[in-house]
Every structure is written in structure tokens, then in C-alpha cells.
């Protein structure tokens, strides 16, 4: 019996924010994978090591968490006044599919840096020293992200003293601007799909919960921690080792997705795990982060915990941080109320790994809330570069 030899594909493994992913230039992919479809999905799953019934990703580049089961494709921009297209695939760990329904805000940081590394940005736009402004077209959701990437001697500066909770070592700071981040994806409608800042959400098996459902950054369903028996100080292991709790969160997510019009039937949620996100909020209180560091109530405006791909995130997804910042800026949302209410343009929230500050500029126009941009700082670093290998019969 003969077996197909492995093929190798140029790839770069990067950390962006509190996530890691395998990055490709579109032109380097096998021809069949340069277009959307089954071949591309099969390649990404094999690169990551999915589907894996052991949930370990031993035979792939994934790390068996939603933060490390990611692939990215970058190419020259397809729209005017942008430098690159950035396409993101969230690879399921134990099921055979890739979710293309949303963006990864953390890897948006790495997308800006990788675009320069990969030669996809016009050299004339890159200073010898200073900050390169990389205009990213986020192709999954059709939005603009501006990455301010530090440059030293004509190269991306990766080392520095910027510290990010959830990342062990410091690095160079990259400032991200998410432009007009509301109304994610192609579903249409306003930033608040139901038209309300707070809804009564009927969740089968749980009851009626107050919820803020927003599409800024990424579609997100916010509920009060106290309403679901939580405190808002939970760490990853407390939630992820509780099958009943995870089941309840999924029920809330499905109910929210239906109410937001993201899916038509509950069954569709199984193939749309990446969105919407489910997050729970609480007023500030002192807690111990996963690193052992004490986060004082006085250091934060509120507590937020969020789930990604069915598990509590170890820190905070970048796109969900955009949703948090935007909702916090709008008086009357559950996020705003947890932060004490009133008008604000920035918020610092506590998450399992520490704290994060995010700013958002929101305004009401003709009775509708809009957000012009959200801003936060992350960092990115190349971990490894070269080729990734997959069996030749993968796709």
C-alpha cells in the first residue's frame, strides 16, 4: 500500500495578543486552497491537528484551546486605500469544521506585523524608524482595522517593555484601531439587532435573563453574572471543568443567536461556534488572577468573563474587548451599568488573567447608537517561521 508523501507550505507561527495562529500568504497556499472551500478547510484542520477526539492537538500546530486553534491568510488588499486583506479561520478542536463567521481581534495585531514581514505592504509606507500605519481589510466581516506597528531600522520591532496580562513576557506595543466596528458580518441591522439596549432573553431550561446583545467588534451576548449564579471572578478551570455550567452557557448563546437573527434554527449553532460570544459582567471586586496576582477593585471599572468556542477564555478575546468597550460607552447597557453607569470613553475591566483597557467613541444619531472606532493596545511576535508539513492527500 502506498501513502502520499508530505508536502510543505511556507508558514509563520505568530503570537498576537493572547492568541497564537499559523499565518500564510495566499500566494503560498496550494492552488486548490487559494479559494474558499473544502480543500482550504481540510488543510487548515490538518495543520492545526483537528478534529481531535483527544482534544490535545498532538499531531498538529494547535494548542487544543480556542486561543491557539487558528489559521490566517494574508494577501494584497482587494479594496482601495488598504494595504492587506486579512482572512481568519477558527478551527474547531474536536469537530471537522472551520468557522469563518467572525474576526480574531488578538490576531489582528499579528496581521499588521506579519503584513510587513511578508512583504505585503508597500515599502514606501514603512519608515526607517517610527511607526508604520498598516491598513487592514478584515475580509471575514468587511471592516477596517488600523494597526500602528513600531519599526526599528526598517524592520518590525517585536521586543519591548509593553506588558499584556495573559502573556508571560513583555514585547513591543502595537495600537489597534477598529474602525466603525458595529454591525459585524453580513447579517445587517443596527449595532443592537433587537433595537434594545437590554432585552428579556428567554433561555429554554434556564428562564428569562436580562441581556445586552450587540454587534460591535463581534456579535456578543452580555448577561449579569449574578443572574446565572456566577460572581464574575471565575477563572478558566472553575468553568471549563463544569459540564453543566458549559451547557447552560451554550443554551444562552443559542438563545441569543436566535434572537439576534444570526441563526434560524438552534441546530445551526453547532456549525457557528465562533459567534456570537457569551460574556457575563459584574461590578468591580478584588480577586486573584490566574497568575496569582491580586487585582484590586480600585484598579478596574467592572469584571467581565467571556466564552470562546464553548470554553471560558483564559484572558479576553480582542473582538469581545471591542464589544465591551463599546457597550460600556453607551448608558443603560448591562456592561455600562456594571461599570457604574454614565457616559465614558474608556473602560478598564478585569478578566481571568488580569486587566485590559479599551476605549470606544460612541454617539447617538437619529435615535440609533453608532461607534466610530474602538482602540486598544496589544503586542505580537513571530514564534517560528519556515514551512508547515501536511500529508499530500490532506485535501
Protein backbone atom coordinates (compact mmCIF):
# COMPACT_ATOMS: atom_id res chain seq x y z
CA UNK A 1 0.00 0.00 0.00
CA UNK A 2 1.37 3.38 -1.00
CA UNK A 3 0.94 6.57 1.01
CA UNK A 4 1.14 10.16 -0.16
CA UNK A 5 4.32 11.94 0.88
CA UNK A 6 4.10 15.05 2.99
CA UNK A 7 4.04 18.43 1.30
CA UNK A 8 5.46 21.57 2.84
CA UNK A 9 3.87 25.00 2.75
CA UNK A 10 5.55 28.29 3.73
CA UNK A 11 4.06 29.40 7.04
CA UNK A 12 4.77 31.56 10.07
CA UNK A 13 3.64 30.85 13.63
CA UNK A 14 2.83 34.07 15.48
CA UNK A 15 1.52 35.19 18.81
CA UNK A 16 -0.87 38.09 18.55
CA UNK A 17 -2.24 39.47 21.81
CA UNK A 18 -3.30 36.47 23.90
CA UNK A 19 -3.73 34.16 20.89
CA UNK A 20 -1.46 32.19 18.55
CA UNK A 21 -2.04 31.19 14.96
CA UNK A 22 -0.47 29.79 11.80
CA UNK A 23 -0.15 32.54 9.19
CA UNK A 24 0.02 32.04 5.42
CA UNK A 25 0.40 34.29 2.42
CA UNK A 26 -2.39 33.48 -0.03
CA UNK A 27 0.11 33.06 -2.85
CA UNK A 28 1.98 30.35 -0.90
CA UNK A 29 -1.02 28.07 -0.45
CA UNK A 30 -1.58 25.09 -2.78
CA UNK A 31 -3.73 26.16 -5.75
CA UNK A 32 -6.80 24.28 -4.51
CA UNK A 33 -6.58 26.10 -1.18
CA UNK A 34 -6.24 29.59 -2.63
CA UNK A 35 -10.02 29.77 -2.93
CA UNK A 36 -12.65 29.21 -0.23
CA UNK A 37 -13.98 25.69 0.04
CA UNK A 38 -13.46 22.17 1.29
CA UNK A 39 -9.78 21.94 0.28
CA UNK A 40 -8.84 25.03 2.30
CA UNK A 41 -10.83 23.85 5.32
CA UNK A 42 -9.22 20.40 5.21
CA UNK A 43 -5.76 21.96 5.00
CA UNK A 44 -6.35 24.22 7.99
CA UNK A 45 -7.77 21.38 10.06
CA UNK A 46 -4.77 19.16 9.28
CA UNK A 47 -2.32 21.97 10.05
CA UNK A 48 -3.93 22.51 13.46
CA UNK A 49 -4.46 18.78 14.11
CA UNK A 50 -8.27 18.71 14.05
CA UNK A 51 -10.66 17.08 14.53
CA UNK A 52 -9.05 15.54 17.57
CA UNK A 53 -11.20 13.32 19.83
CA UNK A 54 -8.43 13.53 22.44
CA UNK A 55 -8.63 17.37 22.44
CA UNK A 56 -4.85 17.57 22.61
CA UNK A 57 -3.68 18.54 19.08
CA UNK A 58 -0.61 16.32 19.46
CA UNK A 59 -0.42 15.82 15.68
CA UNK A 60 -0.66 19.46 14.66
CA UNK A 61 0.22 23.07 15.39
CA UNK A 62 -2.84 23.75 17.53
CA UNK A 63 -2.78 24.05 21.30
CA UNK A 64 -6.19 22.47 21.97
CA UNK A 65 -7.73 25.78 23.07
CA UNK A 66 -9.80 28.31 21.17
CA UNK A 67 -6.89 30.77 21.58
CA UNK A 68 -4.45 28.51 19.73
CA UNK A 69 -6.59 26.76 17.09
CA UNK A 70 -6.40 29.47 14.47
CA UNK A 71 -5.18 29.98 10.90
CA UNK A 72 -4.81 33.22 8.98
CA UNK A 73 -4.41 34.13 5.30
CA UNK A 74 -2.99 37.47 4.23
CA UNK A 75 -2.89 38.87 0.71
CA UNK A 76 -2.58 42.17 -1.10
CA UNK A 77 -5.59 44.39 -0.46
CA UNK A 78 -8.64 43.85 -2.62
CA UNK A 79 -10.22 47.20 -1.67
CA UNK A 80 -8.87 50.74 -2.22
CA UNK A 81 -6.91 52.58 0.46
CA UNK A 82 -5.90 49.41 2.30
CA UNK A 83 -2.63 47.51 2.42
CA UNK A 84 -3.72 43.92 3.02
CA UNK A 85 -6.67 41.57 3.21
CA UNK A 86 -6.79 39.54 6.42
CA UNK A 87 -8.90 36.37 6.48
CA UNK A 88 -9.29 34.39 9.70
CA UNK A 89 -10.33 30.78 10.27
CA UNK A 90 -11.26 29.48 13.73
CA UNK A 91 -10.59 25.73 13.65
CA UNK A 92 -12.84 23.55 15.78
CA UNK A 93 -10.89 21.29 18.13
CA UNK A 94 -12.99 18.12 18.15
CA UNK A 95 -15.27 18.62 15.14
CA UNK A 96 -14.49 18.73 11.43
CA UNK A 97 -15.15 22.34 10.52
CA UNK A 98 -13.58 25.78 10.26
CA UNK A 99 -15.67 28.76 11.36
CA UNK A 100 -15.31 31.81 9.11
CA UNK A 101 -18.10 33.85 10.72
CA UNK A 102 -16.01 36.36 12.65
CA UNK A 103 -12.69 38.02 13.31
CA UNK A 104 -9.95 37.44 15.90
CA UNK A 105 -9.07 40.76 17.48
CA UNK A 106 -5.90 39.40 19.07
CA UNK A 107 -4.53 38.07 15.80
CA UNK A 108 -5.44 41.37 14.13
CA UNK A 109 -2.34 42.63 15.94
CA UNK A 110 -0.20 39.92 14.38
CA UNK A 111 -1.82 40.56 10.98
CA UNK A 112 -0.39 44.07 10.91
CA UNK A 113 3.10 42.90 11.86
CA UNK A 114 3.04 39.88 9.55
CA UNK A 115 1.89 42.01 6.61
CA UNK A 116 5.18 43.91 6.86
CA UNK A 117 7.30 40.80 7.49
CA UNK A 118 5.71 39.08 4.49
CA UNK A 119 6.40 41.95 2.07
CA UNK A 120 2.72 42.73 1.53
CA UNK A 121 2.99 46.41 2.47
CA UNK A 122 4.39 48.99 0.08
CA UNK A 123 7.95 49.73 1.30
CA UNK A 124 7.24 53.43 0.81
CA UNK A 125 4.75 53.20 3.69
CA UNK A 126 7.31 51.78 6.10
CA UNK A 127 9.59 54.31 7.87
CA UNK A 128 13.19 53.52 8.70
CA UNK A 129 12.33 54.24 12.31
CA UNK A 130 8.99 55.14 13.84
CA UNK A 131 5.53 53.69 13.37
CA UNK A 132 4.12 52.06 10.25
CA UNK A 133 0.38 52.50 9.77
CA UNK A 134 -0.96 49.28 8.27
CA UNK A 135 -4.47 49.49 6.81
CA UNK A 136 -6.05 46.07 7.16
CA UNK A 137 -9.22 44.95 5.41
CA UNK A 138 -10.80 42.32 7.67
CA UNK A 139 -12.31 40.13 4.96
CA UNK A 140 -14.47 37.94 7.24
CA UNK A 141 -16.60 40.86 8.40
CA UNK A 142 -15.83 43.58 5.86
CA UNK A 143 -14.31 46.08 8.29
CA UNK A 144 -11.20 48.24 8.50
CA UNK A 145 -8.57 47.80 11.20
CA UNK A 146 -5.64 50.19 11.53
CA UNK A 147 -2.51 48.72 13.13
CA UNK A 148 0.21 51.08 14.36
CA UNK A 149 3.31 48.89 14.18
CA UNK A 150 6.65 50.08 15.65
CA UNK A 151 9.59 49.98 13.25
CA UNK A 152 13.30 49.99 14.08
CA UNK A 153 15.92 50.06 11.32
CA UNK A 154 13.27 49.27 8.72
CA UNK A 155 12.09 46.11 10.49
CA UNK A 156 9.13 45.36 12.73
CA UNK A 157 10.18 45.87 16.34
CA UNK A 158 8.95 42.87 18.30
CA UNK A 159 10.76 43.25 21.62
CA UNK A 160 9.88 45.92 24.15
CA UNK A 161 8.57 46.59 27.64
CA UNK A 162 4.82 46.61 26.97
CA UNK A 163 3.15 44.13 29.32
CA UNK A 164 -0.13 42.44 28.47
CA UNK A 165 -1.97 40.41 31.09
CA UNK A 166 -2.32 36.85 29.81
CA UNK A 167 1.07 36.98 28.05
CA UNK A 168 4.12 35.92 30.06
CA UNK A 169 6.81 38.16 28.55
CA UNK A 170 6.80 41.85 27.54
CA UNK A 171 7.03 42.93 23.90
CA UNK A 172 6.61 46.00 21.71
CA UNK A 173 3.25 47.75 21.88
CA UNK A 174 1.00 47.77 18.82
CA UNK A 175 -2.02 50.07 18.91
CA UNK A 176 -5.11 48.82 17.08
CA UNK A 177 -8.00 50.94 15.85
CA UNK A 178 -11.16 49.05 14.92
CA UNK A 179 -12.96 51.43 12.58
CA UNK A 180 -16.77 51.52 12.56
CA UNK A 181 -16.81 48.15 14.36
CA UNK A 182 -20.58 47.88 14.78
CA UNK A 183 -22.87 45.63 12.72
CA UNK A 184 -20.44 42.74 12.35
CA UNK A 185 -20.71 40.39 9.43
CA UNK A 186 -23.32 40.28 6.71
CA UNK A 187 -26.44 39.99 8.85
CA UNK A 188 -27.38 43.63 8.50
CA UNK A 189 -29.28 45.69 11.04
CA UNK A 190 -28.15 48.05 13.78
CA UNK A 191 -25.49 47.70 16.42
CA UNK A 192 -28.26 46.38 18.67
CA UNK A 193 -30.06 43.82 16.47
CA UNK A 194 -33.17 43.76 18.66
CA UNK A 195 -33.33 47.55 18.82
CA UNK A 196 -32.96 47.47 22.61
CA UNK A 197 -30.05 48.16 24.95
CA UNK A 198 -31.37 45.47 27.30
CA UNK A 199 -33.72 42.60 26.45
CA UNK A 200 -35.53 39.89 28.35
CA UNK A 201 -33.99 36.79 26.80
CA UNK A 202 -35.93 33.55 27.13
CA UNK A 203 -33.50 30.66 27.55
CA UNK A 204 -35.01 27.15 27.46
CA UNK A 205 -34.24 25.26 30.67
CA UNK A 206 -32.95 28.39 32.44
CA UNK A 207 -35.67 31.04 32.29
CA UNK A 208 -35.69 34.73 31.44
CA UNK A 209 -32.41 36.64 31.67
CA UNK A 210 -31.65 40.29 31.11
CA UNK A 211 -29.24 40.55 28.17
CA UNK A 212 -27.43 43.18 26.13
CA UNK A 213 -26.92 41.90 22.58
CA UNK A 214 -24.51 43.91 20.47
CA UNK A 215 -22.64 43.52 17.19
CA UNK A 216 -19.65 45.79 17.84
CA UNK A 217 -16.33 44.01 17.29
CA UNK A 218 -18.06 40.65 17.24
CA UNK A 219 -21.66 39.64 17.98
CA UNK A 220 -21.82 39.30 21.76
CA UNK A 221 -24.48 38.43 24.31
CA UNK A 222 -23.86 40.01 27.73
CA UNK A 223 -25.66 38.81 30.85
CA UNK A 224 -25.28 39.67 34.53
CA UNK A 225 -23.06 37.25 36.43
CA UNK A 226 -25.40 37.24 39.42
CA UNK A 227 -28.35 36.18 37.25
CA UNK A 228 -26.59 32.94 36.28
CA UNK A 229 -25.13 32.07 39.66
CA UNK A 230 -21.67 33.50 38.98
CA UNK A 231 -19.58 36.20 40.64
CA UNK A 232 -17.57 37.49 37.69
CA UNK A 233 -14.31 36.48 39.40
CA UNK A 234 -14.26 32.94 37.97
CA UNK A 235 -11.07 31.55 36.46
CA UNK A 236 -10.89 29.22 33.47
CA UNK A 237 -10.69 25.93 35.35
CA UNK A 238 -13.73 26.71 37.51
CA UNK A 239 -15.99 26.94 34.49
CA UNK A 240 -14.34 24.61 31.99
CA UNK A 241 -14.38 21.64 34.36
CA UNK A 242 -18.10 22.07 34.99
CA UNK A 243 -20.04 20.38 32.15
CA UNK A 244 -23.39 21.63 33.47
CA UNK A 245 -22.18 25.24 33.52
CA UNK A 246 -20.86 24.94 29.96
CA UNK A 247 -24.21 23.51 28.89
CA UNK A 248 -26.02 26.49 30.40
CA UNK A 249 -23.73 28.95 28.66
CA UNK A 250 -24.30 27.22 25.33
CA UNK A 251 -28.06 27.41 25.87
CA UNK A 252 -27.73 31.17 26.47
CA UNK A 253 -25.55 31.52 23.38
CA UNK A 254 -28.03 29.67 21.18
CA UNK A 255 -30.96 31.70 22.50
CA UNK A 256 -29.01 34.91 21.87
CA UNK A 257 -28.00 33.86 18.37
CA UNK A 258 -31.64 33.17 17.51
CA UNK A 259 -32.81 36.48 18.99
CA UNK A 260 -30.07 38.38 17.14
CA UNK A 261 -31.02 36.74 13.84
CA UNK A 262 -27.60 35.11 13.41
CA UNK A 263 -29.18 31.67 13.02
CA UNK A 264 -32.66 30.49 12.06
CA UNK A 265 -32.76 27.22 13.99
CA UNK A 266 -31.00 26.03 17.17
CA UNK A 267 -29.30 23.27 15.16
CA UNK A 268 -27.37 25.87 13.13
CA UNK A 269 -25.47 26.92 16.26
CA UNK A 270 -23.37 23.76 16.08
CA UNK A 271 -21.72 24.99 12.88
CA UNK A 272 -21.37 28.57 14.13
CA UNK A 273 -19.39 28.12 17.33
CA UNK A 274 -17.22 31.21 16.90
CA UNK A 275 -20.13 33.67 17.09
CA UNK A 276 -21.88 35.04 18.99
CA UNK A 277 -19.73 35.25 22.08
CA UNK A 278 -21.32 34.90 25.51
CA UNK A 279 -19.99 37.10 28.32
CA UNK A 280 -21.04 37.85 31.87
CA UNK A 281 -20.41 41.04 33.79
CA UNK A 282 -20.33 42.19 37.41
CA UNK A 283 -19.36 45.33 39.37
CA UNK A 284 -15.71 45.56 40.39
CA UNK A 285 -14.44 43.48 43.28
CA UNK A 286 -10.99 42.34 44.37
CA UNK A 287 -9.94 38.92 43.05
CA UNK A 288 -6.89 36.80 42.34
CA UNK A 289 -5.93 36.42 38.67
CA UNK A 290 -4.74 33.13 37.20
CA UNK A 291 -1.13 34.29 37.60
CA UNK A 292 -1.64 34.66 41.35
CA UNK A 293 -1.62 38.45 41.11
CA UNK A 294 -4.20 40.32 43.18
CA UNK A 295 -6.43 42.60 41.12
CA UNK A 296 -7.84 45.30 43.39
CA UNK A 297 -11.39 46.54 42.88
CA UNK A 298 -9.98 50.07 42.71
CA UNK A 299 -7.94 49.14 39.61
CA UNK A 300 -10.93 48.25 37.43
CA UNK A 301 -14.33 49.55 36.38
CA UNK A 302 -16.04 46.14 36.13
CA UNK A 303 -15.49 42.40 35.83
CA UNK A 304 -16.01 40.50 32.58
CA UNK A 305 -15.65 36.83 31.73
CA UNK A 306 -16.25 35.55 28.19
CA UNK A 307 -16.51 32.19 26.48
CA UNK A 308 -14.99 31.29 23.13
CA UNK A 309 -15.76 28.07 21.24
CA UNK A 310 -17.66 26.73 24.23
CA UNK A 311 -14.98 27.34 26.88
CA UNK A 312 -14.15 30.21 29.22
CA UNK A 313 -11.33 32.24 27.69
CA UNK A 314 -8.10 32.47 29.69
CA UNK A 315 -7.98 36.25 29.21
CA UNK A 316 -10.17 38.19 26.75
CA UNK A 317 -10.76 37.94 23.03
CA UNK A 318 -9.78 41.18 21.27
CA UNK A 319 -13.05 41.46 19.38
CA UNK A 320 -15.01 40.87 22.57
CA UNK A 321 -12.97 43.62 24.20
CA UNK A 322 -14.23 45.92 21.43
CA UNK A 323 -17.80 44.88 22.28
CA UNK A 324 -17.10 45.53 25.97
CA UNK A 325 -15.64 48.99 25.32
CA UNK A 326 -18.49 49.93 23.01
CA UNK A 327 -21.25 48.69 25.31
CA UNK A 328 -19.57 50.40 28.29
CA UNK A 329 -19.70 53.71 26.40
CA UNK A 330 -23.48 53.51 25.93
CA UNK A 331 -25.50 54.42 29.05
CA UNK A 332 -28.03 51.77 30.01
CA UNK A 333 -26.39 48.59 28.72
CA UNK A 334 -25.61 45.86 31.22
CA UNK A 335 -21.90 46.49 30.66
CA UNK A 336 -22.30 50.21 31.31
CA UNK A 337 -24.40 49.60 34.42
CA UNK A 338 -21.88 47.10 35.82
CA UNK A 339 -19.23 49.81 35.38
CA UNK A 340 -21.32 52.27 37.39
CA UNK A 341 -23.36 53.86 34.59
CA UNK A 342 -22.94 57.25 32.95
CA UNK A 343 -21.02 58.38 29.88
CA UNK A 344 -17.48 57.12 29.38
CA UNK A 345 -14.98 56.82 26.51
CA UNK A 346 -12.77 54.15 28.05
CA UNK A 347 -13.10 51.29 30.48
CA UNK A 348 -10.67 49.03 32.32
CA UNK A 349 -12.09 45.62 33.06
CA UNK A 350 -10.88 42.62 34.99
CA UNK A 351 -10.59 39.27 33.21
CA UNK A 352 -9.18 35.89 34.35
CA UNK A 353 -5.57 36.85 33.57
CA UNK A 354 -5.64 40.44 34.78
CA UNK A 355 -6.90 43.72 33.36
CA UNK A 356 -7.36 45.37 29.97
CA UNK A 357 -8.20 48.91 28.97
CA UNK A 358 -10.23 49.60 25.84
CA UNK A 359 -11.60 52.87 24.51
CA UNK A 360 -14.61 53.48 22.28
CA UNK A 361 -16.21 56.56 20.76
CA UNK A 362 -19.98 56.08 20.63
CA UNK A 363 -22.70 58.54 19.73
CA UNK A 364 -26.43 58.57 19.13
CA UNK A 365 -27.56 59.66 15.66
CA UNK A 366 -31.26 59.84 14.82
CA UNK A 367 -32.04 57.64 17.79
CA UNK A 368 -29.52 54.97 16.77
CA UNK A 369 -26.27 54.31 18.59
CA UNK A 370 -23.15 54.17 16.44
CA UNK A 371 -19.48 53.76 17.26
CA UNK A 372 -16.80 55.38 15.10
CA UNK A 373 -13.87 53.38 16.43
CA UNK A 374 -12.56 51.34 19.30
CA UNK A 375 -8.93 51.42 20.40
CA UNK A 376 -6.71 49.08 22.40
CA UNK A 377 -3.09 48.06 22.70
CA UNK A 378 -1.71 44.55 22.15
CA UNK A 379 1.60 43.06 21.05
CA UNK A 380 2.77 40.44 18.55
CA UNK A 381 5.80 38.28 17.99
CA UNK A 382 6.97 35.68 15.49
CA UNK A 383 7.48 32.41 17.35
CA UNK A 384 8.66 30.32 14.40
CA UNK A 385 8.86 30.58 10.62
CA UNK A 386 9.59 28.21 7.78
CA UNK A 387 7.27 25.51 6.44
CA UNK A 388 4.42 23.54 7.86
CA UNK A 389 4.04 19.97 6.61
CA UNK A 390 0.85 18.01 5.95
CA UNK A 391 0.24 14.67 4.23
CA UNK A 392 -0.15 15.08 0.48
CA UNK A 393 -3.63 13.55 0.48
CA UNK A 394 -4.97 16.01 3.06
CA UNK A 395 -7.05 17.84 0.50
